[in-house]
Protein backbone atom coordinates (compact mmCIF):
# COMPACT_ATOMS: atom_id res chain seq x y z
CA UNK A 1 -37.29 20.21 7.30
CA UNK A 2 -35.55 23.05 9.14
CA UNK A 3 -37.74 26.01 10.12
CA UNK A 4 -36.25 29.46 10.69
CA UNK A 5 -38.90 31.85 12.06
CA UNK A 6 -38.78 35.47 10.99
CA UNK A 7 -38.24 38.24 13.51
CA UNK A 8 -41.28 40.22 14.63
CA UNK A 9 -42.57 42.81 12.16
CA UNK A 10 -45.13 45.61 12.63
CA UNK A 11 -47.67 44.44 10.08
CA UNK A 12 -49.93 47.49 10.43
CA UNK A 13 -47.02 49.81 9.69
CA UNK A 14 -46.02 47.64 6.73
CA UNK A 15 -49.54 47.87 5.30
CA UNK A 16 -49.43 51.65 5.48
CA UNK A 17 -46.01 51.72 3.82
CA UNK A 18 -47.23 49.57 0.92
CA UNK A 19 -49.93 52.16 0.12
CA UNK A 20 -47.64 55.15 0.63
CA UNK A 21 -44.89 53.73 -1.55
CA UNK A 22 -47.34 52.91 -4.32
CA UNK A 23 -48.41 56.58 -4.44
CA UNK A 24 -44.78 57.72 -4.48
CA UNK A 25 -43.90 55.25 -7.25
CA UNK A 26 -46.82 56.40 -9.38
CA UNK A 27 -45.74 60.00 -8.97
CA UNK A 28 -42.06 59.30 -9.71
CA UNK A 29 -42.89 57.31 -12.86
CA UNK A 30 -44.25 60.51 -14.36
CA UNK A 31 -40.73 61.94 -14.16
CA UNK A 32 -38.48 59.02 -15.17
CA UNK A 33 -38.14 60.33 -18.73
CA UNK A 34 -37.32 64.02 -18.04
CA UNK A 35 -35.57 63.52 -14.68
CA UNK A 36 -32.46 61.27 -14.69
CA UNK A 37 -32.66 60.76 -10.90
CA UNK A 38 -36.32 59.74 -10.80
CA UNK A 39 -35.56 56.14 -11.79
CA UNK A 40 -33.17 55.71 -8.87
CA UNK A 41 -35.89 56.83 -6.46
CA UNK A 42 -38.43 54.58 -8.15
CA UNK A 43 -36.09 51.59 -7.91
CA UNK A 44 -35.60 51.98 -4.15
CA UNK A 45 -39.30 52.50 -3.51
CA UNK A 46 -40.21 49.52 -5.67
CA UNK A 47 -37.86 47.26 -3.74
CA UNK A 48 -39.16 48.50 -0.40
CA UNK A 49 -42.77 48.00 -1.49
CA UNK A 50 -42.05 44.42 -2.47
CA UNK A 51 -40.29 43.83 0.85
CA UNK A 52 -43.16 45.34 2.86
CA UNK A 53 -45.61 43.16 0.94
CA UNK A 54 -43.73 40.05 2.09
CA UNK A 55 -44.48 41.16 5.66
CA UNK A 56 -48.19 40.98 4.81
CA UNK A 57 -47.88 37.95 2.52
CA UNK A 58 -45.01 35.82 3.89
CA UNK A 59 -45.47 33.01 1.36
CA UNK A 60 -45.75 35.48 -1.57
CA UNK A 61 -48.97 33.77 -2.56
CA UNK A 62 -50.75 36.93 -3.70
CA UNK A 63 -50.39 38.22 -7.24
CA UNK A 64 -49.74 41.73 -5.92
CA UNK A 65 -46.59 40.50 -4.20
CA UNK A 66 -45.37 38.73 -7.34
CA UNK A 67 -46.04 41.77 -9.52
CA UNK A 68 -44.20 43.95 -7.01
CA UNK A 69 -41.18 41.62 -7.22
CA UNK A 70 -41.22 41.79 -11.02
CA UNK A 71 -41.52 45.58 -11.01
CA UNK A 72 -38.65 45.87 -8.51
CA UNK A 73 -36.56 43.67 -10.80
CA UNK A 74 -37.45 45.75 -13.85
CA UNK A 75 -36.49 49.02 -12.19
CA UNK A 76 -33.25 47.51 -10.84
CA UNK A 77 -32.27 46.43 -14.36
CA UNK A 78 -33.40 49.64 -16.00
CA UNK A 79 -30.76 51.57 -14.07
CA UNK A 80 -28.09 49.52 -15.85
CA UNK A 81 -29.88 49.51 -19.21
CA UNK A 82 -29.17 53.22 -19.53
CA UNK A 83 -25.46 53.11 -18.66
CA UNK A 84 -23.70 52.13 -21.87
CA UNK A 85 -25.90 52.81 -24.88
CA UNK A 86 -24.76 54.96 -27.78
CA UNK A 87 -28.21 56.54 -28.11
CA UNK A 88 -29.53 59.44 -26.04
CA UNK A 89 -32.47 57.36 -24.82
CA UNK A 90 -33.10 53.67 -24.26
CA UNK A 91 -36.57 52.06 -24.29
CA UNK A 92 -37.34 49.95 -21.22
CA UNK A 93 -40.58 48.42 -19.97
CA UNK A 94 -41.58 49.19 -16.41
CA UNK A 95 -44.85 47.59 -15.40
CA UNK A 96 -47.29 47.80 -18.30
CA UNK A 97 -45.63 50.72 -20.10
CA UNK A 98 -42.46 51.27 -22.09
CA UNK A 99 -40.47 54.36 -21.14
CA UNK A 100 -37.79 56.26 -23.05
CA UNK A 101 -35.11 56.54 -20.38
CA UNK A 102 -32.30 59.10 -20.69
CA UNK A 103 -28.92 57.41 -21.12
CA UNK A 104 -26.40 58.52 -18.50
CA UNK A 105 -23.41 56.24 -18.99
CA UNK A 106 -21.71 55.09 -15.77
CA UNK A 107 -23.28 56.93 -12.85
CA UNK A 108 -23.80 56.83 -9.09
CA UNK A 109 -27.10 54.96 -9.41
CA UNK A 110 -25.40 51.94 -11.03
CA UNK A 111 -23.01 50.66 -8.36
CA UNK A 112 -21.65 47.13 -7.88
CA UNK A 113 -23.95 46.67 -4.87
CA UNK A 114 -26.91 47.79 -6.99
CA UNK A 115 -25.86 45.20 -9.57
CA UNK A 116 -25.96 42.44 -6.98
CA UNK A 117 -29.43 43.47 -5.83
CA UNK A 118 -30.60 43.47 -9.44
CA UNK A 119 -29.12 40.00 -9.91
CA UNK A 120 -30.93 38.59 -6.88
CA UNK A 121 -34.23 40.03 -8.11
CA UNK A 122 -33.71 38.69 -11.65
CA UNK A 123 -33.05 35.20 -10.28
CA UNK A 124 -35.99 35.39 -7.87
CA UNK A 125 -38.36 36.43 -10.67
CA UNK A 126 -36.71 33.89 -12.98
CA UNK A 127 -36.19 36.32 -15.83
CA UNK A 128 -33.61 34.95 -18.24
CA UNK A 129 -33.78 38.22 -20.19
CA UNK A 130 -32.91 40.37 -17.19
CA UNK A 131 -30.18 37.93 -16.12
CA UNK A 132 -28.66 38.15 -19.61
CA UNK A 133 -28.80 41.97 -19.49
CA UNK A 134 -26.92 42.03 -16.21
CA UNK A 135 -24.27 39.66 -17.49
CA UNK A 136 -23.47 42.23 -20.19
CA UNK A 137 -22.74 45.01 -17.70
CA UNK A 138 -19.01 45.72 -17.82
CA UNK A 139 -16.54 46.44 -15.03
CA UNK A 140 -15.98 49.91 -16.51
CA UNK A 141 -19.63 50.73 -15.79
CA UNK A 142 -19.42 49.48 -12.23
CA UNK A 143 -16.14 51.25 -11.46
CA UNK A 144 -17.51 54.38 -13.12
CA UNK A 145 -20.18 54.66 -10.46
CA UNK A 146 -17.53 55.98 -8.08
CA UNK A 147 -18.95 53.93 -5.21
CA UNK A 148 -16.67 52.80 -2.41
CA UNK A 149 -17.38 49.13 -1.73
CA UNK A 150 -15.92 46.30 0.30
CA UNK A 151 -13.19 44.39 -1.51
CA UNK A 152 -15.31 41.24 -1.87
CA UNK A 153 -17.98 43.00 -3.92
CA UNK A 154 -16.33 43.22 -7.36
CA UNK A 155 -15.07 39.61 -7.40
CA UNK A 156 -18.53 38.57 -6.15
CA UNK A 157 -20.08 40.38 -9.12
CA UNK A 158 -17.54 38.68 -11.40
CA UNK A 159 -18.43 35.31 -9.89
CA UNK A 160 -22.15 35.87 -10.37
CA UNK A 161 -21.76 37.11 -13.94
CA UNK A 162 -19.82 33.98 -14.84
CA UNK A 163 -22.21 31.69 -13.00
CA UNK A 164 -25.43 33.25 -14.27
CA UNK A 165 -23.96 33.51 -17.76
CA UNK A 166 -23.34 29.75 -17.84
CA UNK A 167 -19.56 29.97 -17.63
CA UNK A 168 -17.39 27.96 -15.27
CA UNK A 169 -16.54 29.73 -12.02
CA UNK A 170 -12.82 29.34 -11.30
CA UNK A 171 -12.44 27.90 -7.78
CA UNK A 172 -9.81 30.51 -6.98
CA UNK A 173 -12.26 33.31 -7.78
CA UNK A 174 -14.97 32.05 -5.44
CA UNK A 175 -12.39 31.29 -2.77
CA UNK A 176 -11.16 34.89 -3.01
CA UNK A 177 -14.70 36.13 -2.38
CA UNK A 178 -14.93 33.87 0.68
CA UNK A 179 -11.61 35.19 1.97
CA UNK A 180 -12.62 38.81 1.42
CA UNK A 181 -15.88 38.40 3.35
CA UNK A 182 -13.89 37.64 6.48
CA UNK A 183 -15.05 40.14 9.14
CA UNK A 184 -11.49 41.34 9.57
CA UNK A 185 -11.57 42.65 5.99
CA UNK A 186 -14.35 45.19 6.68
CA UNK A 187 -13.58 48.75 5.58
CA UNK A 188 -16.92 50.48 5.12
CA UNK A 189 -19.48 48.03 6.51
CA UNK A 190 -19.42 46.50 9.97
CA UNK A 191 -17.65 43.22 10.63
CA UNK A 192 -21.07 41.94 11.71
CA UNK A 193 -22.46 42.69 8.23
CA UNK A 194 -19.69 40.75 6.52
CA UNK A 195 -20.14 37.81 8.86
CA UNK A 196 -23.95 37.59 8.84
CA UNK A 197 -25.01 39.11 5.52
CA UNK A 198 -22.15 39.10 3.00
CA UNK A 199 -20.48 35.73 3.60
CA UNK A 200 -23.46 33.32 4.01
CA UNK A 201 -24.88 33.48 0.45
CA UNK A 202 -21.36 33.09 -0.95
CA UNK A 203 -21.03 29.93 1.11
CA UNK A 204 -24.41 28.68 -0.17
CA UNK A 205 -23.26 29.14 -3.78
CA UNK A 206 -20.05 27.27 -2.96
CA UNK A 207 -22.15 24.27 -1.92
CA UNK A 208 -24.54 24.67 -4.87
CA UNK A 209 -21.54 24.26 -7.14
CA UNK A 210 -20.29 21.26 -5.17
CA UNK A 211 -23.74 19.66 -5.42
CA UNK A 212 -23.77 17.85 -2.07
CA UNK A 213 -27.23 17.89 -0.54
CA UNK A 214 -26.29 17.74 3.14
CA UNK A 215 -23.72 20.53 2.86
CA UNK A 216 -26.10 22.68 0.81
CA UNK A 217 -28.84 22.29 3.41
CA UNK A 218 -26.48 23.12 6.26
CA UNK A 219 -25.20 26.23 4.45
CA UNK A 220 -28.73 27.36 3.59
CA UNK A 221 -29.97 26.99 7.17
CA UNK A 222 -26.93 28.83 8.50
CA UNK A 223 -27.35 31.62 5.95
CA UNK A 224 -31.04 32.12 6.72
CA UNK A 225 -30.36 32.07 10.46
CA UNK A 226 -27.50 34.55 10.05
CA UNK A 227 -29.81 36.86 8.09
CA UNK A 228 -32.28 36.78 10.97
CA UNK A 229 -29.54 37.34 13.56
CA UNK A 230 -28.43 40.49 11.77
CA UNK A 231 -31.79 42.05 10.95
CA UNK A 232 -33.54 41.36 14.26
CA UNK A 233 -31.06 43.56 16.09
CA UNK A 234 -32.25 46.83 17.59
CA UNK A 235 -32.15 49.52 14.93
CA UNK A 236 -32.47 47.04 12.07
CA UNK A 237 -35.66 45.11 12.82
CA UNK A 238 -37.95 47.65 11.11
CA UNK A 239 -35.78 47.89 7.98
CA UNK A 240 -37.66 46.19 5.11
CA UNK A 241 -34.35 44.96 3.67
CA UNK A 242 -34.44 42.39 6.46
CA UNK A 243 -37.92 41.07 5.70
CA UNK A 244 -36.75 38.81 2.86
CA UNK A 245 -33.25 37.36 2.42
CA UNK A 246 -32.79 38.30 -1.25
CA UNK A 247 -29.30 36.88 -1.79
CA UNK A 248 -29.96 33.70 0.19
CA UNK A 249 -33.29 33.20 -1.59
CA UNK A 250 -31.60 33.59 -4.98
CA UNK A 251 -28.96 31.00 -4.05
CA UNK A 252 -31.64 28.64 -2.73
CA UNK A 253 -33.50 28.94 -6.04
CA UNK A 254 -30.35 28.13 -8.00
CA UNK A 255 -29.71 25.14 -5.77
CA UNK A 256 -33.28 23.93 -6.24
CA UNK A 257 -33.04 24.40 -9.99
CA UNK A 258 -29.84 22.35 -9.92
CA UNK A 259 -31.67 19.44 -8.31
CA UNK A 260 -30.85 20.10 -4.65
CA UNK A 261 -33.99 19.82 -2.50
CA UNK A 262 -34.53 22.85 -0.26
CA UNK A 263 -34.97 21.50 3.25
CA UNK A 264 -35.39 24.86 4.96
CA UNK A 265 -38.58 26.85 5.40
CA UNK A 266 -38.77 30.49 6.45
CA UNK A 267 -40.68 33.68 5.76
CA UNK A 268 -37.28 35.05 4.75
CA UNK A 269 -37.53 32.62 1.81
CA UNK A 270 -41.13 33.08 0.55
CA UNK A 271 -42.48 29.71 -0.47
CA UNK A 272 -44.07 30.72 -3.78
CA UNK A 273 -40.95 32.57 -4.92
CA UNK A 274 -38.73 29.66 -3.98
CA UNK A 275 -40.90 27.13 -5.78
CA UNK A 276 -41.32 29.23 -8.92
CA UNK A 277 -45.10 28.99 -8.60
CA UNK A 278 -45.75 32.38 -10.21
CA UNK A 279 -43.27 32.08 -13.03
CA UNK A 280 -44.90 28.84 -14.09
CA UNK A 281 -48.33 30.44 -14.51
């Protein structure tokens, strides 16, 4: 078993942020029906709260952490649920209540990068319904967000939609994503981001599809280590996005579900999320 320790986190600060974000989420939920932008704020706060909880509960063994992951996934999907409906409002459950969300069509809250985050959360929470919803999101919606993204992002979304939808992933498509995550291709992000954050989960999926245990393990260890190397840097270490390796965790789960034993342990890959312990209850 390969162990990849997590970088140092201020646990006391994280505990305070969990409480603060919960108050902000509760307040914003009161406005998600009349205010089209309130859901975007709720989504970001929900993700951060889940991430801060993993600092307090590294194995994700507490129900609060699991429920926070589910709520983050719901809000991430809800942003896309309201992009392409013919009605003025779309019903969507967030937590224990169903909301009537105003339909916006393509908008700046529903970017290709947001889609990827939603996909990781849907896989991590093992929601076939939310995965299916995301697979229905069209390129028109993503392009309509107006977001400027690295060139690898759209083919990466295409790859994941095919893969999660049960379709065959053309080798040339995945290879194009690998090529476009080369650090020399960076336009908006840093070359360091492409090398340490963007490329590694793509490489893990490549080895999930190949199905060779040794190569999968090597790719997973490298990806988790690369995640740590990026997020432990000065200026990044306190960012909750670095507390859990969402994309790598999602790929590890898919590998495990495909019969590849996960021989890496890390707080970046919370044990109870990786094993599916909560979804089986």
